[in-house]
Every structure is written in structure tokens, then in C-alpha cells.
PDB file of N, CA and C in Angstrom:
ATOM      1  N   MET A   1    -229.289 -36.872 -64.105  1.00  0.00           N
ATOM      2  CA  MET A   1    -229.370 -35.740 -64.000  1.00  0.00           C
ATOM      3  C   MET A   1    -230.280 -36.104 -63.161  1.00  0.00           C
ATOM      4  N   VAL A   2    -230.092 -34.454 -62.498  1.00  0.00           N
ATOM      5  CA  VAL A   2    -230.686 -34.078 -61.192  1.00  0.00           C
ATOM      6  C   VAL A   2    -231.943 -33.243 -61.297  1.00  0.00           C
ATOM      7  N   PRO A   3    -232.954 -33.858 -60.320  1.00  0.00           N
ATOM      8  CA  PRO A   3    -234.301 -33.117 -60.583  1.00  0.00           C
ATOM      9  C   PRO A   3    -234.551 -32.000 -60.185  1.00  0.00           C
ATOM     10  N   ARG A   4    -235.278 -31.002 -60.510  1.00  0.00           N
ATOM     11  CA  ARG A   4    -235.589 -29.981 -60.213  1.00  0.00           C
ATOM     12  C   ARG A   4    -236.149 -29.519 -58.587  1.00  0.00           C
ATOM     13  N   GLN A   5    -236.974 -30.505 -58.211  1.00  0.00           N
ATOM     14  CA  GLN A   5    -237.074 -30.632 -56.788  1.00  0.00           C
ATOM     15  C   GLN A   5    -236.914 -32.458 -56.342  1.00  0.00           C
ATOM     16  N   LEU A   6    -236.428 -32.152 -55.101  1.00  0.00           N
ATOM     17  CA  LEU A   6    -236.524 -33.662 -54.538  1.00  0.00           C
ATOM     18  C   LEU A   6    -237.851 -33.414 -53.166  1.00  0.00           C
ATOM     19  N   ARG A   7    -238.459 -34.658 -53.216  1.00  0.00           N
ATOM     20  CA  ARG A   7    -239.133 -34.191 -52.157  1.00  0.00           C
ATOM     21  C   ARG A   7    -239.269 -35.533 -50.996  1.00  0.00           C
ATOM     22  N   SER A   8    -238.831 -35.360 -50.121  1.00  0.00           N
ATOM     23  CA  SER A   8    -238.297 -36.271 -49.090  1.00  0.00           C
ATOM     24  C   SER A   8    -239.869 -36.869 -48.185  1.00  0.00           C
ATOM     25  N   GLN A   9    -239.881 -38.058 -47.798  1.00  0.00           N
ATOM     26  CA  GLN A   9    -240.309 -38.463 -46.753  1.00  0.00           C
ATOM     27  C   GLN A   9    -240.009 -38.539 -45.434  1.00  0.00           C
ATOM     28  N   SER A  10    -240.701 -38.700 -44.344  1.00  0.00           N
ATOM     29  CA  SER A  10    -240.522 -38.383 -42.964  1.00  0.00           C
ATOM     30  C   SER A  10    -240.128 -39.902 -42.682  1.00  0.00           C
ATOM     31  N   VAL A  11    -238.725 -39.885 -42.471  1.00  0.00           N
ATOM     32  CA  VAL A  11    -237.977 -41.409 -42.109  1.00  0.00           C
ATOM     33  C   VAL A  11    -236.743 -40.792 -40.790  1.00  0.00           C
ATOM     34  N   LYS A  12    -236.243 -42.032 -39.897  1.00  0.00           N
ATOM     35  CA  LYS A  12    -235.785 -41.114 -38.805  1.00  0.00           C
ATOM     36  C   LYS A  12    -234.581 -41.940 -39.145  1.00  0.00           C
ATOM     37  N   ASN A  13    -233.483 -40.917 -38.545  1.00  0.00           N
ATOM     38  CA  ASN A  13    -232.028 -40.928 -38.651  1.00  0.00           C
ATOM     39  C   ASN A  13    -231.439 -40.456 -37.718  1.00  0.00           C
ATOM     40  N   SER A  14    -230.842 -41.444 -37.165  1.00  0.00           N
ATOM     41  CA  SER A  14    -229.725 -40.737 -35.836  1.00  0.00           C
ATOM     42  C   SER A  14    -231.319 -40.819 -34.603  1.00  0.00           C
ATOM     43  N   ASN A  15    -232.146 -41.144 -34.625  1.00  0.00           N
ATOM     44  CA  ASN A  15    -233.075 -40.872 -33.598  1.00  0.00           C
ATOM     45  C   ASN A  15    -233.726 -39.321 -33.792  1.00  0.00           C
ATOM     46  N   ARG A  16    -233.550 -38.974 -34.775  1.00  0.00           N
ATOM     47  CA  ARG A  16    -234.189 -37.945 -35.460  1.00  0.00           C
ATOM     48  C   ARG A  16    -235.231 -37.910 -36.666  1.00  0.00           C
ATOM     49  N   GLN A  17    -236.455 -37.009 -36.564  1.00  0.00           N
ATOM     50  CA  GLN A  17    -237.208 -37.016 -37.291  1.00  0.00           C
ATOM     51  C   GLN A  17    -236.991 -36.060 -38.863  1.00  0.00           C
ATOM     52  N   CYS A  18    -236.708 -36.715 -39.475  1.00  0.00           N
ATOM     53  CA  CYS A  18    -236.670 -35.870 -41.168  1.00  0.00           C
ATOM     54  C   CYS A  18    -237.994 -35.290 -41.337  1.00  0.00           C
ATOM     55  N   HIS A  19    -238.309 -34.362 -41.326  1.00  0.00           N
ATOM     56  CA  HIS A  19    -239.474 -33.879 -41.733  1.00  0.00           C
ATOM     57  C   HIS A  19    -239.582 -33.545 -43.400  1.00  0.00           C
ATOM     58  N   THR A  20    -240.792 -33.714 -43.932  1.00  0.00           N
ATOM     59  CA  THR A  20    -241.083 -33.612 -45.296  1.00  0.00           C
ATOM     60  C   THR A  20    -240.481 -32.100 -45.581  1.00  0.00           C
ATOM     61  N   ALA A  21    -239.780 -31.926 -46.675  1.00  0.00           N
ATOM     62  CA  ALA A  21    -238.960 -30.575 -47.067  1.00  0.00           C
ATOM     63  C   ALA A  21    -238.856 -30.737 -48.549  1.00  0.00           C
ATOM     64  N   ILE A  22    -238.955 -29.465 -49.084  1.00  0.00           N
ATOM     65  CA  ILE A  22    -238.437 -29.196 -51.005  1.00  0.00           C
ATOM     66  C   ILE A  22    -237.312 -28.963 -51.095  1.00  0.00           C
ATOM     67  N   LEU A  23    -236.311 -29.969 -51.636  1.00  0.00           N
ATOM     68  CA  LEU A  23    -235.102 -28.976 -51.777  1.00  0.00           C
ATOM     69  C   LEU A  23    -235.086 -28.087 -53.589  1.00  0.00           C
ATOM     70  N   GLU A  24    -234.783 -27.039 -53.526  1.00  0.00           N
ATOM     71  CA  GLU A  24    -234.735 -26.568 -54.531  1.00  0.00           C
ATOM     72  C   GLU A  24    -233.126 -26.539 -54.946  1.00  0.00           C
ATOM     73  N   VAL A  25    -233.027 -27.070 -56.444  1.00  0.00           N
ATOM     74  CA  VAL A  25    -231.616 -26.964 -56.805  1.00  0.00           C
ATOM     75  C   VAL A  25    -231.068 -26.041 -58.064  1.00  0.00           C
ATOM     76  N   PHE A  26    -230.166 -26.089 -58.497  1.00  0.00           N
ATOM     77  CA  PHE A  26    -229.425 -25.068 -59.732  1.00  0.00           C
ATOM     78  C   PHE A  26    -229.042 -25.778 -60.468  1.00  0.00           C
ATOM     79  N   PRO A  27    -229.693 -26.125 -61.250  1.00  0.00           N
ATOM     80  CA  PRO A  27    -229.350 -27.196 -62.529  1.00  0.00           C
ATOM     81  C   PRO A  27    -228.402 -27.095 -63.368  1.00  0.00           C
ATOM     82  N   ASN A  28    -228.300 -25.376 -63.340  1.00  0.00           N
ATOM     83  CA  ASN A  28    -226.868 -25.181 -63.813  1.00  0.00           C
ATOM     84  C   ASN A  28    -225.641 -24.876 -63.105  1.00  0.00           C
ATOM     85  N   SER A  29    -225.564 -25.730 -62.340  1.00  0.00           N
ATOM     86  CA  SER A  29    -224.070 -25.604 -61.664  1.00  0.00           C
ATOM     87  C   SER A  29    -223.497 -26.818 -61.362  1.00  0.00           C
ATOM     88  N   PRO A  30    -222.654 -26.868 -61.910  1.00  0.00           N
ATOM     89  CA  PRO A  30    -221.819 -28.225 -62.370  1.00  0.00           C
ATOM     90  C   PRO A  30    -221.111 -28.203 -60.841  1.00  0.00           C
ATOM     91  N   ARG A  31    -220.963 -27.470 -59.817  1.00  0.00           N
ATOM     92  CA  ARG A  31    -220.021 -27.994 -58.523  1.00  0.00           C
ATOM     93  C   ARG A  31    -222.026 -28.635 -57.462  1.00  0.00           C
ATOM     94  N   TRP A  32    -223.035 -28.011 -57.826  1.00  0.00           N
ATOM     95  CA  TRP A  32    -223.723 -28.643 -57.553  1.00  0.00           C
ATOM     96  C   TRP A  32    -224.234 -30.136 -58.026  1.00  0.00           C
ATOM     97  N   LYS A  33    -223.623 -30.338 -58.848  1.00  0.00           N
ATOM     98  CA  LYS A  33    -224.440 -31.520 -59.594  1.00  0.00           C
ATOM     99  C   LYS A  33    -223.291 -32.337 -58.776  1.00  0.00           C
ATOM    100  N   ARG A  34    -222.346 -32.098 -58.979  1.00  0.00           N
ATOM    101  CA  ARG A  34    -220.827 -33.062 -58.420  1.00  0.00           C
ATOM    102  C   ARG A  34    -221.501 -33.060 -56.777  1.00  0.00           C
ATOM    103  N   SER A  35    -221.564 -32.112 -56.133  1.00  0.00           N
ATOM    104  CA  SER A  35    -221.858 -32.276 -54.692  1.00  0.00           C
ATOM    105  C   SER A  35    -222.707 -33.341 -54.445  1.00  0.00           C
ATOM    106  N   VAL A  36    -224.049 -33.659 -55.410  1.00  0.00           N
ATOM    107  CA  VAL A  36    -224.954 -34.629 -55.044  1.00  0.00           C
ATOM    108  C   VAL A  36    -224.715 -35.635 -55.395  1.00  0.00           C
ATOM    109  N   GLU A  37    -224.114 -35.885 -56.195  1.00  0.00           N
ATOM    110  CA  GLU A  37    -223.078 -36.824 -57.096  1.00  0.00           C
ATOM    111  C   GLU A  37    -222.502 -37.893 -55.514  1.00  0.00           C
ATOM    112  N   TYR A  38    -221.606 -36.732 -54.832  1.00  0.00           N
ATOM    113  CA  TYR A  38    -220.642 -37.346 -54.025  1.00  0.00           C
ATOM    114  C   TYR A  38    -221.604 -37.828 -52.664  1.00  0.00           C
ATOM    115  N   VAL A  39    -222.332 -37.143 -52.745  1.00  0.00           N
ATOM    116  CA  VAL A  39    -223.623 -37.222 -51.538  1.00  0.00           C
ATOM    117  C   VAL A  39    -224.567 -38.507 -51.764  1.00  0.00           C
ATOM    118  N   TRP A  40    -224.733 -38.801 -52.727  1.00  0.00           N
ATOM    119  CA  TRP A  40    -225.488 -40.028 -53.102  1.00  0.00           C
ATOM    120  C   TRP A  40    -224.943 -41.260 -53.190  1.00  0.00           C
ATOM    121  N   THR A  41    -223.736 -41.102 -53.780  1.00  0.00           N
ATOM    122  CA  THR A  41    -223.089 -42.341 -53.689  1.00  0.00           C
ATOM    123  C   THR A  41    -222.094 -42.660 -52.183  1.00  0.00           C
ATOM    124  N   SER A  42    -222.407 -41.566 -51.146  1.00  0.00           N
ATOM    125  CA  SER A  42    -221.871 -41.866 -49.977  1.00  0.00           C
ATOM    126  C   SER A  42    -222.686 -42.591 -48.992  1.00  0.00           C
ATOM    127  N   LEU A  43    -222.620 -43.677 -47.899  1.00  0.00           N
ATOM    128  CA  LEU A  43    -223.176 -44.105 -47.530  1.00  0.00           C
ATOM    129  C   LEU A  43    -223.186 -43.732 -45.661  1.00  0.00           C
ATOM    130  N   GLU A  44    -222.241 -42.407 -45.452  1.00  0.00           N
ATOM    131  CA  GLU A  44    -221.933 -41.964 -43.990  1.00  0.00           C
ATOM    132  C   GLU A  44    -222.377 -40.642 -44.178  1.00  0.00           C
ATOM    133  N   ALA A  45    -223.091 -40.245 -43.162  1.00  0.00           N
ATOM    134  CA  ALA A  45    -223.698 -39.006 -42.407  1.00  0.00           C
ATOM    135  C   ALA A  45    -222.874 -38.099 -42.203  1.00  0.00           C
ATOM    136  N   ARG A  46    -221.942 -38.901 -41.915  1.00  0.00           N
ATOM    137  CA  ARG A  46    -220.043 -37.894 -41.559  1.00  0.00           C
ATOM    138  C   ARG A  46    -219.728 -37.063 -43.241  1.00  0.00           C
ATOM    139  N   ARG A  47    -219.789 -37.798 -43.986  1.00  0.00           N
ATOM    140  CA  ARG A  47    -219.728 -37.474 -45.306  1.00  0.00           C
ATOM    141  C   ARG A  47    -220.760 -36.270 -45.606  1.00  0.00           C
ATOM    142  N   LEU A  48    -221.911 -36.534 -45.432  1.00  0.00           N
ATOM    143  CA  LEU A  48    -222.775 -35.025 -45.595  1.00  0.00           C
ATOM    144  C   LEU A  48    -222.869 -34.382 -44.498  1.00  0.00           C
ATOM    145  N   ARG A  49    -222.061 -34.246 -43.731  1.00  0.00           N
ATOM    146  CA  ARG A  49    -221.885 -33.067 -42.746  1.00  0.00           C
ATOM    147  C   ARG A  49    -220.788 -32.555 -43.466  1.00  0.00           C
ATOM    148  N   ILE A  50    -219.587 -33.093 -43.850  1.00  0.00           N
ATOM    149  CA  ILE A  50    -218.394 -32.667 -44.673  1.00  0.00           C
ATOM    150  C   ILE A  50    -219.194 -31.700 -45.735  1.00  0.00           C
ATOM    151  N   MET A  51    -220.114 -32.512 -46.560  1.00  0.00           N
ATOM    152  CA  MET A  51    -220.565 -31.553 -47.900  1.00  0.00           C
ATOM    153  C   MET A  51    -221.349 -30.710 -47.321  1.00  0.00           C
ATOM    154  N   SER A  52    -222.134 -30.610 -46.341  1.00  0.00           N
ATOM    155  CA  SER A  52    -223.064 -29.444 -46.308  1.00  0.00           C
ATOM    156  C   SER A  52    -222.803 -28.017 -46.764  1.00  0.00           C
ATOM    157  N   HIS A  53    -221.453 -27.324 -46.376  1.00  0.00           N
ATOM    158  CA  HIS A  53    -220.696 -26.427 -45.935  1.00  0.00           C
ATOM    159  C   HIS A  53    -221.300 -25.645 -47.780  1.00  0.00           C
ATOM    160  N   LEU A  54    -221.118 -26.935 -48.783  1.00  0.00           N
ATOM    161  CA  LEU A  54    -221.396 -26.543 -50.231  1.00  0.00           C
ATOM    162  C   LEU A  54    -222.446 -26.021 -50.631  1.00  0.00           C
ATOM    163  N   PHE A  55    -223.549 -26.688 -49.677  1.00  0.00           N
ATOM    164  CA  PHE A  55    -224.963 -26.608 -50.091  1.00  0.00           C
ATOM    165  C   PHE A  55    -225.407 -24.881 -49.616  1.00  0.00           C
ATOM    166  N   THR A  56    -224.782 -24.435 -48.664  1.00  0.00           N
ATOM    167  CA  THR A  56    -224.895 -22.890 -47.943  1.00  0.00           C
ATOM    168  C   THR A  56    -224.463 -22.010 -49.176  1.00  0.00           C
ATOM    169  N   ARG A  57    -223.650 -22.400 -50.315  1.00  0.00           N
ATOM    170  CA  ARG A  57    -222.989 -21.243 -51.208  1.00  0.00           C
ATOM    171  C   ARG A  57    -224.475 -21.056 -52.146  1.00  0.00           C
ATOM    172  N   PHE A  58    -225.195 -22.023 -52.431  1.00  0.00           N
ATOM    173  CA  PHE A  58    -226.302 -21.851 -53.476  1.00  0.00           C
ATOM    174  C   PHE A  58    -227.365 -21.448 -52.888  1.00  0.00           C
ATOM    175  N   GLN A  59    -227.702 -21.043 -51.532  1.00  0.00           N
ATOM    176  CA  GLN A  59    -228.800 -20.334 -50.766  1.00  0.00           C
ATOM    177  C   GLN A  59    -229.971 -21.526 -51.117  1.00  0.00           C
ATOM    178  N   LEU A  60    -229.571 -22.718 -50.685  1.00  0.00           N
ATOM    179  CA  LEU A  60    -230.923 -23.770 -50.444  1.00  0.00           C
ATOM    180  C   LEU A  60    -231.404 -23.181 -49.387  1.00  0.00           C
ATOM    181  N   LEU A  61    -232.605 -23.949 -48.829  1.00  0.00           N
ATOM    182  CA  LEU A  61    -233.259 -24.063 -47.705  1.00  0.00           C
ATOM    183  C   LEU A  61    -232.535 -24.421 -46.663  1.00  0.00           C
ATOM    184  N   SER A  62    -232.644 -23.916 -45.610  1.00  0.00           N
ATOM    185  CA  SER A  62    -231.849 -23.883 -44.232  1.00  0.00           C
ATOM    186  C   SER A  62    -231.977 -25.599 -43.481  1.00  0.00           C
ATOM    187  N   LYS A  63    -232.943 -26.076 -43.789  1.00  0.00           N
ATOM    188  CA  LYS A  63    -233.400 -27.376 -43.287  1.00  0.00           C
ATOM    189  C   LYS A  63    -234.031 -28.106 -44.601  1.00  0.00           C
ATOM    190  N   ILE A  64    -232.973 -29.333 -44.882  1.00  0.00           N
ATOM    191  CA  ILE A  64    -233.385 -30.184 -46.021  1.00  0.00           C
ATOM    192  C   ILE A  64    -233.041 -31.286 -45.838  1.00  0.00           C
ATOM    193  N   CYS A  65    -233.662 -32.076 -46.668  1.00  0.00           N
ATOM    194  CA  CYS A  65    -233.602 -33.568 -46.981  1.00  0.00           C
ATOM    195  C   CYS A  65    -232.429 -34.201 -47.787  1.00  0.00           C
ATOM    196  N   ILE A  66    -231.625 -35.004 -48.031  1.00  0.00           N
ATOM    197  CA  ILE A  66    -230.893 -35.467 -49.153  1.00  0.00           C
ATOM    198  C   ILE A  66    -231.112 -36.836 -49.168  1.00  0.00           C
ATOM    199  N   PRO A  67    -231.757 -37.106 -50.676  1.00  0.00           N
ATOM    200  CA  PRO A  67    -231.972 -38.804 -50.838  1.00  0.00           C
ATOM    201  C   PRO A  67    -230.663 -39.465 -50.884  1.00  0.00           C
ATOM    202  N   LEU A  68    -230.423 -40.232 -49.987  1.00  0.00           N
ATOM    203  CA  LEU A  68    -229.323 -40.974 -50.055  1.00  0.00           C
ATOM    204  C   LEU A  68    -229.445 -42.831 -50.155  1.00  0.00           C
ATOM    205  N   GLY A  69    -229.271 -43.234 -51.312  1.00  0.00           N
ATOM    206  CA  GLY A  69    -229.726 -44.883 -51.149  1.00  0.00           C
ATOM    207  C   GLY A  69    -230.959 -45.424 -50.813  1.00  0.00           C
ATOM    208  N   GLY A  70    -232.017 -44.377 -51.087  1.00  0.00           N
ATOM    209  CA  GLY A  70    -233.289 -44.928 -50.874  1.00  0.00           C
ATOM    210  C   GLY A  70    -233.578 -44.253 -48.897  1.00  0.00           C
ATOM    211  N   ILE A  71    -232.885 -43.883 -48.601  1.00  0.00           N
ATOM    212  CA  ILE A  71    -232.838 -42.996 -47.283  1.00  0.00           C
ATOM    213  C   ILE A  71    -232.896 -41.539 -47.255  1.00  0.00           C
ATOM    214  N   PHE A  72    -233.256 -41.102 -46.187  1.00  0.00           N
ATOM    215  CA  PHE A  72    -233.512 -39.509 -46.456  1.00  0.00           C
ATOM    216  C   PHE A  72    -232.478 -39.359 -45.466  1.00  0.00           C
ATOM    217  N   PHE A  73    -231.180 -38.621 -45.885  1.00  0.00           N
ATOM    218  CA  PHE A  73    -230.795 -38.301 -44.734  1.00  0.00           C
ATOM    219  C   PHE A  73    -230.799 -36.432 -44.666  1.00  0.00           C
ATOM    220  N   ARG A  74    -230.993 -35.645 -43.012  1.00  0.00           N
ATOM    221  CA  ARG A  74    -231.463 -34.744 -42.525  1.00  0.00           C
ATOM    222  C   ARG A  74    -229.450 -34.179 -42.549  1.00  0.00           C
ATOM    223  N   VAL A  75    -229.328 -32.583 -43.191  1.00  0.00           N
ATOM    224  CA  VAL A  75    -228.088 -32.425 -43.419  1.00  0.00           C
ATOM    225  C   VAL A  75    -228.139 -31.516 -42.255  1.00  0.00           C
ATOM    226  N   LYS A  76    -227.241 -31.756 -41.228  1.00  0.00           N
ATOM    227  CA  LYS A  76    -226.956 -31.110 -40.264  1.00  0.00           C
ATOM    228  C   LYS A  76    -225.342 -29.542 -40.523  1.00  0.00           C
ATOM    229  N   TRP A  77    -226.302 -28.719 -40.023  1.00  0.00           N
ATOM    230  CA  TRP A  77    -225.326 -27.156 -40.516  1.00  0.00           C
ATOM    231  C   TRP A  77    -224.366 -26.887 -39.701  1.00  0.00           C
TER     232      TRP A  77
END
């Protein structure tokens, strides 16, 4: 189950600071849930960038952090 809000912590990824952000999700969207599932199991930032175009369709915050394997990755648009 995807939580309604995911709070990120400030961590570094690829020498970039991932600032604290709140990710608003749409729990009624099957595609969103599949996207989160895919990103959650993926450990490559490259795949995150490939999936980032799906997030824009749901009008999420422009700068978000996705929890991935205990580490927060910043989605690059």
C-alpha cells in the first residue's frame, strides 16, 4: 500500500543534496501504484529518470524525493 505522504530526509545522491520534500500521491491511480512499485524495486537512478515522465502526468510537486531501498533519490526532470 502506498502511503498518502512520503517524507524525505536530506541525503546525498550523485553529489547532490536531496532536500526535504513532501510527495503527494494519488492512491486511486493504478498506474501510479505500478510506477512506485517499479521505482521502489529499482536500484538505478537511470531507471528513475526513465520513470519520471509518469509522475508529471499526475501533477506532482516539481521537486520530489522518492524513497528507494532506504535511500532517497531525487527525480531529475
